[in-house]
C-alpha cells in the first residue's frame, strides 16, 4: 500500500492466484506511490456483485471517487498515468 494524500485513491480489482493481477499491481504500485495516491486492493472473490461485474475483466484499475472511471487489462504505465492525472 502507498501513503494517502488528500484521500486520493485508486482501486485494483483482483483475485488471489491471478498472474495478470500481479502484473497489474507491479505496474501500478510504483506509479501511484510516486504520485502520493493510495492503492487499495479489492479481491472480487469476496463479493458476488464484484464477481459479476469484474469476473471476466480483472485486473481492473479504477478511480475510487468516480464510478465508471476505470481501465481494464491489458494496461500499461501510460494508461495508469492517465488515470492518475484524472485525480488531480
Protein backbone atom coordinates (compact mmCIF):
# COMPACT_ATOMS: atom_id res chain seq x y z
CA UNK A 1 0.00 0.00 0.00
CA UNK A 2 1.05 3.56 -0.51
CA UNK A 3 0.71 6.64 1.62
CA UNK A 4 -2.51 8.57 1.38
CA UNK A 5 -2.56 12.26 0.46
CA UNK A 6 -5.82 14.16 0.42
CA UNK A 7 -7.91 10.98 0.22
CA UNK A 8 -6.92 10.28 -3.38
CA UNK A 9 -7.21 6.60 -4.12
CA UNK A 10 -7.16 4.07 -6.92
CA UNK A 11 -8.68 0.62 -6.52
CA UNK A 12 -7.20 -2.51 -8.10
CA UNK A 13 -9.88 -5.16 -8.50
CA UNK A 14 -8.14 -8.54 -8.48
CA UNK A 15 -8.31 -12.04 -7.07
CA UNK A 16 -5.83 -14.42 -5.49
CA UNK A 17 -3.75 -16.53 -7.83
CA UNK A 18 -4.29 -14.25 -10.83
CA UNK A 19 -0.92 -13.72 -12.51
CA UNK A 20 -2.27 -10.84 -14.61
CA UNK A 21 -3.41 -9.16 -11.40
CA UNK A 22 0.11 -9.49 -10.02
CA UNK A 23 1.49 -7.88 -13.18
CA UNK A 24 -1.05 -5.07 -12.95
CA UNK A 25 -0.11 -4.38 -9.32
CA UNK A 26 3.59 -4.33 -10.26
CA UNK A 27 2.87 -1.71 -12.93
CA UNK A 28 0.52 0.43 -10.85
CA UNK A 29 2.14 0.40 -7.40
CA UNK A 30 5.29 2.42 -8.16
CA UNK A 31 3.32 4.98 -10.16
CA UNK A 32 0.66 5.56 -7.50
CA UNK A 33 3.33 5.70 -4.79
CA UNK A 34 5.24 8.36 -6.73
CA UNK A 35 2.02 10.34 -7.13
CA UNK A 36 1.20 10.12 -3.41
CA UNK A 37 -2.00 8.22 -4.14
CA UNK A 38 -3.28 5.27 -2.13
CA UNK A 39 -3.72 1.94 -3.95
CA UNK A 40 -6.45 -0.20 -2.40
CA UNK A 41 -6.58 -3.85 -3.40
CA UNK A 42 -10.07 -5.37 -3.58
CA UNK A 43 -10.44 -9.11 -4.06
CA UNK A 44 -13.55 -9.65 -6.16
CA UNK A 45 -14.00 -13.14 -4.71
CA UNK A 46 -15.32 -11.50 -1.53
CA UNK A 47 -18.42 -10.11 -3.28
CA UNK A 48 -20.97 -11.68 -5.61
CA UNK A 49 -21.66 -8.25 -7.12
CA UNK A 50 -17.97 -7.67 -7.85
CA UNK A 51 -17.62 -11.18 -9.27
CA UNK A 52 -20.50 -10.47 -11.63
CA UNK A 53 -19.13 -7.09 -12.64
CA UNK A 54 -15.41 -7.88 -12.94
CA UNK A 55 -15.15 -11.69 -13.07
CA UNK A 56 -14.01 -11.87 -16.69
CA UNK A 57 -12.32 -8.46 -16.78
CA UNK A 58 -9.78 -8.46 -13.94
CA UNK A 59 -7.45 -6.87 -13.27
CA UNK A 60 -9.25 -3.53 -13.37
CA UNK A 61 -7.80 -0.29 -12.00
CA UNK A 62 -10.42 2.27 -11.01
CA UNK A 63 -10.68 5.79 -9.64
CA UNK A 64 -12.28 5.27 -6.23
CA UNK A 65 -14.07 8.62 -6.38
CA UNK A 66 -15.64 8.35 -9.85
CA UNK A 67 -17.79 5.36 -10.71
CA UNK A 68 -17.02 4.12 -14.19
CA UNK A 69 -13.61 5.78 -14.49
CA UNK A 70 -11.53 2.65 -14.81
CA UNK A 71 -9.11 0.82 -17.06
CA UNK A 72 -9.12 -2.89 -17.72
CA UNK A 73 -6.30 -5.23 -18.55
CA UNK A 74 -4.17 -5.01 -20.53
CA UNK A 75 -2.93 -1.61 -19.44
CA UNK A 76 0.48 -0.02 -19.32
CA UNK A 77 2.22 2.77 -17.42
CA UNK A 78 0.80 5.42 -19.76
CA UNK A 79 -2.76 4.29 -19.04
CA UNK A 80 -2.11 4.33 -15.29
CA UNK A 81 -0.64 7.83 -15.55
CA UNK A 82 -3.79 8.93 -17.40
CA UNK A 83 -5.98 7.61 -14.61
CA UNK A 84 -3.75 9.32 -12.05
CA UNK A 85 -3.98 12.61 -13.96
CA UNK A 86 -7.75 12.50 -13.56
CA UNK A 87 -7.26 12.59 -9.78
CA UNK A 88 -5.54 15.98 -9.92
